[in-house]
Amino acid sequence: LLGYSSRQIADKVNQLGYRSRKGNPFKTDRVL
């Protein structure tokens, strides 16, 4: 909602330490 792209969102949530169910960093396709 702030206008971040899916790539920027993935980078940000990864920097915050969030991970997928399997413990992997988020990628753009998962964010979308």
ModelCIF file with pLDDT and N, C-alpha, C, O atoms, coordinates in Angstrom:
data_MODEL
#
_entry.id   MODEL 
#
_entity.id                         1 
_entity.type                       polymer 
_entity.pdbx_number_of_molecules   1 
#
_entity_poly.entity_id                      1 
_entity_poly.type                           'polypeptide(L)' 
_entity_poly.nstd_linkage                   no 
_entity_poly.nstd_monomer                   no 
_entity_poly.pdbx_seq_one_letter_code       LLGYSSRQIADKVNQLGYRSRKGNPFKTDRVL 
_entity_poly.pdbx_seq_one_letter_code_can   LLGYSSRQIADKVNQLGYRSRKGNPFKTDRVL 
_entity_poly.pdbx_strand_id                 A 
#
loop_
_entity_poly_seq.entity_id 
_entity_poly_seq.num 
_entity_poly_seq.mon_id 
_entity_poly_seq.hetero 
1 1  LEU n 
1 2  LEU n 
1 3  GLY n 
1 4  TYR n 
1 5  SER n 
1 6  SER n 
1 7  ARG n 
1 8  GLN n 
1 9  ILE n 
1 10 ALA n 
1 11 ASP n 
1 12 LYS n 
1 13 VAL n 
1 14 ASN n 
1 15 GLN n 
1 16 LEU n 
1 17 GLY n 
1 18 TYR n 
1 19 ARG n 
1 20 SER n 
1 21 ARG n 
1 22 LYS n 
1 23 GLY n 
1 24 ASN n 
1 25 PRO n 
1 26 PHE n 
1 27 LYS n 
1 28 THR n 
1 29 ASP n 
1 30 ARG n 
1 31 VAL n 
1 32 LEU n 
#
_struct_asym.id          A 
_struct_asym.entity_id   1 
#
loop_
_ma_qa_metric.id 
_ma_qa_metric.mode 
_ma_qa_metric.name 
_ma_qa_metric.software_group_id 
_ma_qa_metric.type 
1 global pLDDT . pLDDT 
2 local  pLDDT . pLDDT 
#
_ma_qa_metric_global.metric_id      1 
_ma_qa_metric_global.metric_value   95.06 
_ma_qa_metric_global.model_id       1 
_ma_qa_metric_global.ordinal_id     1 
#
loop_
_ma_qa_metric_local.label_asym_id 
_ma_qa_metric_local.label_comp_id 
_ma_qa_metric_local.label_seq_id 
_ma_qa_metric_local.metric_id 
_ma_qa_metric_local.metric_value 
_ma_qa_metric_local.model_id 
_ma_qa_metric_local.ordinal_id 
A LEU 1  2 93.00 1 1  
A LEU 2  2 95.00 1 2  
A GLY 3  2 96.00 1 3  
A TYR 4  2 97.00 1 4  
A SER 5  2 96.00 1 5  
A SER 6  2 96.00 1 6  
A ARG 7  2 97.00 1 7  
A GLN 8  2 97.00 1 8  
A ILE 9  2 97.00 1 9  
A ALA 10 2 97.00 1 10 
A ASP 11 2 97.00 1 11 
A LYS 12 2 97.00 1 12 
A VAL 13 2 97.00 1 13 
A ASN 14 2 97.00 1 14 
A GLN 15 2 97.00 1 15 
A LEU 16 2 96.00 1 16 
A GLY 17 2 96.00 1 17 
A TYR 18 2 95.00 1 18 
A ARG 19 2 94.00 1 19 
A SER 20 2 90.00 1 20 
A ARG 21 2 86.00 1 21 
A LYS 22 2 91.00 1 22 
A GLY 23 2 93.00 1 23 
A ASN 24 2 95.00 1 24 
A PRO 25 2 96.00 1 25 
A PHE 26 2 96.00 1 26 
A LYS 27 2 95.00 1 27 
A THR 28 2 95.00 1 28 
A ASP 29 2 95.00 1 29 
A ARG 30 2 94.00 1 30 
A VAL 31 2 95.00 1 31 
A LEU 32 2 94.00 1 32 
#
loop_
_atom_site.group_PDB 
_atom_site.id 
_atom_site.type_symbol 
_atom_site.label_atom_id 
_atom_site.label_alt_id 
_atom_site.label_comp_id 
_atom_site.label_asym_id 
_atom_site.label_entity_id 
_atom_site.label_seq_id 
_atom_site.pdbx_PDB_ins_code 
_atom_site.Cartn_x 
_atom_site.Cartn_y 
_atom_site.Cartn_z 
_atom_site.occupancy 
_atom_site.B_iso_or_equiv 
_atom_site.pdbx_formal_charge 
_atom_site.auth_seq_id 
_atom_site.auth_comp_id 
_atom_site.auth_asym_id 
_atom_site.auth_atom_id 
_atom_site.pdbx_PDB_model_num 
ATOM 1   N N  . LEU A 1 1  ? 0.815  -1.213  0.000  1.00 93.00 ? 1  LEU A N  1 
ATOM 2   C CA . LEU A 1 1  ? 0.000  0.000   0.000  1.00 93.00 ? 1  LEU A CA 1 
ATOM 3   C C  . LEU A 1 1  ? 0.852  1.267   0.000  1.00 93.00 ? 1  LEU A C  1 
ATOM 4   O O  . LEU A 1 1  ? 0.401  2.330   -0.427 1.00 93.00 ? 1  LEU A O  1 
ATOM 5   N N  . LEU A 1 2  ? 2.077  1.142   0.480  1.00 95.00 ? 2  LEU A N  1 
ATOM 6   C CA . LEU A 1 2  ? 2.998  2.280   0.452  1.00 95.00 ? 2  LEU A CA 1 
ATOM 7   C C  . LEU A 1 2  ? 3.698  2.419   -0.903 1.00 95.00 ? 2  LEU A C  1 
ATOM 8   O O  . LEU A 1 2  ? 4.470  3.354   -1.113 1.00 95.00 ? 2  LEU A O  1 
ATOM 9   N N  . GLY A 1 3  ? 3.425  1.488   -1.818 1.00 96.00 ? 3  GLY A N  1 
ATOM 10  C CA . GLY A 1 3  ? 3.978  1.576   -3.161 1.00 96.00 ? 3  GLY A CA 1 
ATOM 11  C C  . GLY A 1 3  ? 5.237  0.771   -3.411 1.00 96.00 ? 3  GLY A C  1 
ATOM 12  O O  . GLY A 1 3  ? 5.878  0.938   -4.448 1.00 96.00 ? 3  GLY A O  1 
ATOM 13  N N  . TYR A 1 4  ? 5.604  -0.094  -2.486 1.00 97.00 ? 4  TYR A N  1 
ATOM 14  C CA . TYR A 1 4  ? 6.789  -0.933  -2.670 1.00 97.00 ? 4  TYR A CA 1 
ATOM 15  C C  . TYR A 1 4  ? 6.519  -1.976  -3.751 1.00 97.00 ? 4  TYR A C  1 
ATOM 16  O O  . TYR A 1 4  ? 5.394  -2.457  -3.885 1.00 97.00 ? 4  TYR A O  1 
ATOM 17  N N  . SER A 1 5  ? 7.536  -2.321  -4.511 1.00 96.00 ? 5  SER A N  1 
ATOM 18  C CA . SER A 1 5  ? 7.420  -3.394  -5.504 1.00 96.00 ? 5  SER A CA 1 
ATOM 19  C C  . SER A 1 5  ? 7.541  -4.734  -4.784 1.00 96.00 ? 5  SER A C  1 
ATOM 20  O O  . SER A 1 5  ? 7.954  -4.791  -3.626 1.00 96.00 ? 5  SER A O  1 
ATOM 21  N N  . SER A 1 6  ? 7.178  -5.806  -5.477 1.00 96.00 ? 6  SER A N  1 
ATOM 22  C CA . SER A 1 6  ? 7.272  -7.131  -4.860 1.00 96.00 ? 6  SER A CA 1 
ATOM 23  C C  . SER A 1 6  ? 8.720  -7.458  -4.490 1.00 96.00 ? 6  SER A C  1 
ATOM 24  O O  . SER A 1 6  ? 8.968  -8.120  -3.482 1.00 96.00 ? 6  SER A O  1 
ATOM 25  N N  . ARG A 1 7  ? 9.662  -7.004  -5.291 1.00 97.00 ? 7  ARG A N  1 
ATOM 26  C CA . ARG A 1 7  ? 11.083 -7.223  -4.988 1.00 97.00 ? 7  ARG A CA 1 
ATOM 27  C C  . ARG A 1 7  ? 11.482 -6.486  -3.712 1.00 97.00 ? 7  ARG A C  1 
ATOM 28  O O  . ARG A 1 7  ? 12.180 -7.035  -2.860 1.00 97.00 ? 7  ARG A O  1 
ATOM 29  N N  . GLN A 1 8  ? 11.035 -5.245  -3.591 1.00 97.00 ? 8  GLN A N  1 
ATOM 30  C CA . GLN A 1 8  ? 11.346 -4.451  -2.407 1.00 97.00 ? 8  GLN A CA 1 
ATOM 31  C C  . GLN A 1 8  ? 10.678 -5.048  -1.159 1.00 97.00 ? 8  GLN A C  1 
ATOM 32  O O  . GLN A 1 8  ? 11.263 -5.050  -0.076 1.00 97.00 ? 8  GLN A O  1 
ATOM 33  N N  . ILE A 1 9  ? 9.464  -5.548  -1.322 1.00 97.00 ? 9  ILE A N  1 
ATOM 34  C CA . ILE A 1 9  ? 8.759  -6.168  -0.192 1.00 97.00 ? 9  ILE A CA 1 
ATOM 35  C C  . ILE A 1 9  ? 9.504  -7.418  0.253  1.00 97.00 ? 9  ILE A C  1 
ATOM 36  O O  . ILE A 1 9  ? 9.705  -7.634  1.448  1.00 97.00 ? 9  ILE A O  1 
ATOM 37  N N  . ALA A 1 10 ? 9.912  -8.240  -0.708 1.00 97.00 ? 10 ALA A N  1 
ATOM 38  C CA . ALA A 1 10 ? 10.668 -9.456  -0.374 1.00 97.00 ? 10 ALA A CA 1 
ATOM 39  C C  . ALA A 1 10 ? 11.950 -9.102  0.371  1.00 97.00 ? 10 ALA A C  1 
ATOM 40  O O  . ALA A 1 10 ? 12.276 -9.721  1.383  1.00 97.00 ? 10 ALA A O  1 
ATOM 41  N N  . ASP A 1 11 ? 12.670 -8.113  -0.128 1.00 97.00 ? 11 ASP A N  1 
ATOM 42  C CA . ASP A 1 11 ? 13.910 -7.691  0.527  1.00 97.00 ? 11 ASP A CA 1 
ATOM 43  C C  . ASP A 1 11 ? 13.654 -7.207  1.955  1.00 97.00 ? 11 ASP A C  1 
ATOM 44  O O  . ASP A 1 11 ? 14.393 -7.544  2.880  1.00 97.00 ? 11 ASP A O  1 
ATOM 45  N N  . LYS A 1 12 ? 12.601 -6.417  2.118  1.00 97.00 ? 12 LYS A N  1 
ATOM 46  C CA . LYS A 1 12 ? 12.293 -5.841  3.431  1.00 97.00 ? 12 LYS A CA 1 
ATOM 47  C C  . LYS A 1 12 ? 11.902 -6.918  4.442  1.00 97.00 ? 12 LYS A C  1 
ATOM 48  O O  . LYS A 1 12 ? 12.418 -6.931  5.560  1.00 97.00 ? 12 LYS A O  1 
ATOM 49  N N  . VAL A 1 13 ? 10.991 -7.827  4.060  1.00 97.00 ? 13 VAL A N  1 
ATOM 50  C CA . VAL A 1 13 ? 10.578 -8.855  5.025  1.00 97.00 ? 13 VAL A CA 1 
ATOM 51  C C  . VAL A 1 13 ? 11.732 -9.811  5.345  1.00 97.00 ? 13 VAL A C  1 
ATOM 52  O O  . VAL A 1 13 ? 11.823 -10.332 6.456  1.00 97.00 ? 13 VAL A O  1 
ATOM 53  N N  . ASN A 1 14 ? 12.596 -10.032 4.378  1.00 97.00 ? 14 ASN A N  1 
ATOM 54  C CA . ASN A 1 14 ? 13.781 -10.855 4.643  1.00 97.00 ? 14 ASN A CA 1 
ATOM 55  C C  . ASN A 1 14 ? 14.728 -10.154 5.612  1.00 97.00 ? 14 ASN A C  1 
ATOM 56  O O  . ASN A 1 14 ? 15.307 -10.794 6.490  1.00 97.00 ? 14 ASN A O  1 
ATOM 57  N N  . GLN A 1 15 ? 14.888 -8.839  5.455  1.00 97.00 ? 15 GLN A N  1 
ATOM 58  C CA . GLN A 1 15 ? 15.728 -8.069  6.377  1.00 97.00 ? 15 GLN A CA 1 
ATOM 59  C C  . GLN A 1 15 ? 15.166 -8.092  7.794  1.00 97.00 ? 15 GLN A C  1 
ATOM 60  O O  . GLN A 1 15 ? 15.913 -8.068  8.772  1.00 97.00 ? 15 GLN A O  1 
ATOM 61  N N  . LEU A 1 16 ? 13.842 -8.137  7.887  1.00 96.00 ? 16 LEU A N  1 
ATOM 62  C CA . LEU A 1 16 ? 13.192 -8.189  9.202  1.00 96.00 ? 16 LEU A CA 1 
ATOM 63  C C  . LEU A 1 16 ? 13.259 -9.581  9.835  1.00 96.00 ? 16 LEU A C  1 
ATOM 64  O O  . LEU A 1 16 ? 12.839 -9.774  10.976 1.00 96.00 ? 16 LEU A O  1 
ATOM 65  N N  . GLY A 1 17 ? 13.788 -10.541 9.087  1.00 96.00 ? 17 GLY A N  1 
ATOM 66  C CA . GLY A 1 17 ? 13.978 -11.883 9.628  1.00 96.00 ? 17 GLY A CA 1 
ATOM 67  C C  . GLY A 1 17 ? 12.830 -12.843 9.385  1.00 96.00 ? 17 GLY A C  1 
ATOM 68  O O  . GLY A 1 17 ? 12.843 -13.961 9.901  1.00 96.00 ? 17 GLY A O  1 
ATOM 69  N N  . TYR A 1 18 ? 11.831 -12.427 8.607  1.00 95.00 ? 18 TYR A N  1 
ATOM 70  C CA . TYR A 1 18 ? 10.713 -13.325 8.302  1.00 95.00 ? 18 TYR A CA 1 
ATOM 71  C C  . TYR A 1 18 ? 11.153 -14.362 7.282  1.00 95.00 ? 18 TYR A C  1 
ATOM 72  O O  . TYR A 1 18 ? 11.965 -14.078 6.401  1.00 95.00 ? 18 TYR A O  1 
ATOM 73  N N  . ARG A 1 19 ? 10.608 -15.569 7.409  1.00 94.00 ? 19 ARG A N  1 
ATOM 74  C CA . ARG A 1 19 ? 10.936 -16.653 6.495  1.00 94.00 ? 19 ARG A CA 1 
ATOM 75  C C  . ARG A 1 19 ? 9.663  -17.401 6.102  1.00 94.00 ? 19 ARG A C  1 
ATOM 76  O O  . ARG A 1 19 ? 8.635  -17.294 6.771  1.00 94.00 ? 19 ARG A O  1 
ATOM 77  N N  . SER A 1 20 ? 9.748  -18.158 5.010  1.00 90.00 ? 20 SER A N  1 
ATOM 78  C CA . SER A 1 20 ? 8.616  -18.955 4.546  1.00 90.00 ? 20 SER A CA 1 
ATOM 79  C C  . SER A 1 20 ? 8.417  -20.150 5.482  1.00 90.00 ? 20 SER A C  1 
ATOM 80  O O  . SER A 1 20 ? 9.185  -20.352 6.423  1.00 90.00 ? 20 SER A O  1 
ATOM 81  N N  . ARG A 1 21 ? 7.384  -20.930 5.208  1.00 86.00 ? 21 ARG A N  1 
ATOM 82  C CA . ARG A 1 21 ? 7.114  -22.128 6.024  1.00 86.00 ? 21 ARG A CA 1 
ATOM 83  C C  . ARG A 1 21 ? 8.329  -23.038 6.132  1.00 86.00 ? 21 ARG A C  1 
ATOM 84  O O  . ARG A 1 21 ? 8.601  -23.613 7.186  1.00 86.00 ? 21 ARG A O  1 
ATOM 85  N N  . LYS A 1 22 ? 9.049  -23.155 5.034  1.00 91.00 ? 22 LYS A N  1 
ATOM 86  C CA . LYS A 1 22 ? 10.199 -24.056 4.996  1.00 91.00 ? 22 LYS A CA 1 
ATOM 87  C C  . LYS A 1 22 ? 11.479 -23.400 5.496  1.00 91.00 ? 22 LYS A C  1 
ATOM 88  O O  . LYS A 1 22 ? 12.548 -24.009 5.465  1.00 91.00 ? 22 LYS A O  1 
ATOM 89  N N  . GLY A 1 23 ? 11.367 -22.155 5.957  1.00 93.00 ? 23 GLY A N  1 
ATOM 90  C CA . GLY A 1 23 ? 12.531 -21.466 6.498  1.00 93.00 ? 23 GLY A CA 1 
ATOM 91  C C  . GLY A 1 23 ? 13.368 -20.746 5.465  1.00 93.00 ? 23 GLY A C  1 
ATOM 92  O O  . GLY A 1 23 ? 14.472 -20.290 5.762  1.00 93.00 ? 23 GLY A O  1 
ATOM 93  N N  . ASN A 1 24 ? 12.850 -20.640 4.253  1.00 95.00 ? 24 ASN A N  1 
ATOM 94  C CA . ASN A 1 24 ? 13.584 -19.970 3.175  1.00 95.00 ? 24 ASN A CA 1 
ATOM 95  C C  . ASN A 1 24 ? 13.241 -18.484 3.131  1.00 95.00 ? 24 ASN A C  1 
ATOM 96  O O  . ASN A 1 24 ? 12.161 -18.077 3.558  1.00 95.00 ? 24 ASN A O  1 
ATOM 97  N N  . PRO A 1 25 ? 14.163 -17.680 2.612  1.00 96.00 ? 25 PRO A N  1 
ATOM 98  C CA . PRO A 1 25 ? 13.852 -16.262 2.423  1.00 96.00 ? 25 PRO A CA 1 
ATOM 99  C C  . PRO A 1 25 ? 12.727 -16.112 1.395  1.00 96.00 ? 25 PRO A C  1 
ATOM 100 O O  . PRO A 1 25 ? 12.552 -16.963 0.523  1.00 96.00 ? 25 PRO A O  1 
ATOM 101 N N  . PHE A 1 26 ? 11.973 -15.027 1.510  1.00 96.00 ? 26 PHE A N  1 
ATOM 102 C CA . PHE A 1 26 ? 10.888 -14.767 0.564  1.00 96.00 ? 26 PHE A CA 1 
ATOM 103 C C  . PHE A 1 26 ? 11.450 -14.299 -0.762 1.00 96.00 ? 26 PHE A C  1 
ATOM 104 O O  . PHE A 1 26 ? 12.451 -13.583 -0.812 1.00 96.00 ? 26 PHE A O  1 
ATOM 105 N N  . LYS A 1 27 ? 10.794 -14.712 -1.839 1.00 95.00 ? 27 LYS A N  1 
ATOM 106 C CA . LYS A 1 27 ? 11.129 -14.277 -3.186 1.00 95.00 ? 27 LYS A CA 1 
ATOM 107 C C  . LYS A 1 27 ? 9.923  -13.532 -3.739 1.00 95.00 ? 27 LYS A C  1 
ATOM 108 O O  . LYS A 1 27 ? 8.835  -13.586 -3.166 1.00 95.00 ? 27 LYS A O  1 
ATOM 109 N N  . THR A 1 28 ? 10.117 -12.846 -4.841 1.00 95.00 ? 28 THR A N  1 
ATOM 110 C CA . THR A 1 28 ? 9.042  -12.022 -5.404 1.00 95.00 ? 28 THR A CA 1 
ATOM 111 C C  . THR A 1 28 ? 7.797  -12.825 -5.744 1.00 95.00 ? 28 THR A C  1 
ATOM 112 O O  . THR A 1 28 ? 6.685  -12.352 -5.511 1.00 95.00 ? 28 THR A O  1 
ATOM 113 N N  . ASP A 1 29 ? 7.950  -14.023 -6.286 1.00 95.00 ? 29 ASP A N  1 
ATOM 114 C CA . ASP A 1 29 ? 6.771  -14.808 -6.655 1.00 95.00 ? 29 ASP A CA 1 
ATOM 115 C C  . ASP A 1 29 ? 5.946  -15.193 -5.436 1.00 95.00 ? 29 ASP A C  1 
ATOM 116 O O  . ASP A 1 29 ? 4.718  -15.253 -5.510 1.00 95.00 ? 29 ASP A O  1 
ATOM 117 N N  . ARG A 1 30 ? 6.597  -15.450 -4.338 1.00 94.00 ? 30 ARG A N  1 
ATOM 118 C CA . ARG A 1 30 ? 5.870  -15.793 -3.104 1.00 94.00 ? 30 ARG A CA 1 
ATOM 119 C C  . ARG A 1 30 ? 5.132  -14.566 -2.555 1.00 94.00 ? 30 ARG A C  1 
ATOM 120 O O  . ARG A 1 30 ? 3.998  -14.671 -2.087 1.00 94.00 ? 30 ARG A O  1 
ATOM 121 N N  . VAL A 1 31 ? 5.783  -13.411 -2.620 1.00 95.00 ? 31 VAL A N  1 
ATOM 122 C CA . VAL A 1 31 ? 5.146  -12.171 -2.172 1.00 95.00 ? 31 VAL A CA 1 
ATOM 123 C C  . VAL A 1 31 ? 3.903  -11.899 -3.015 1.00 95.00 ? 31 VAL A C  1 
ATOM 124 O O  . VAL A 1 31 ? 2.847  -11.571 -2.473 1.00 95.00 ? 31 VAL A O  1 
ATOM 125 N N  . LEU A 1 32 ? 4.019  -12.031 -4.327 1.00 94.00 ? 32 LEU A N  1 
ATOM 126 C CA . LEU A 1 32 ? 2.873  -11.810 -5.210 1.00 94.00 ? 32 LEU A CA 1 
ATOM 127 C C  . LEU A 1 32 ? 1.753  -12.809 -4.916 1.00 94.00 ? 32 LEU A C  1 
ATOM 128 O O  . LEU A 1 32 ? 0.707  -12.773 -5.564 1.00 94.00 ? 32 LEU A O  1 
#
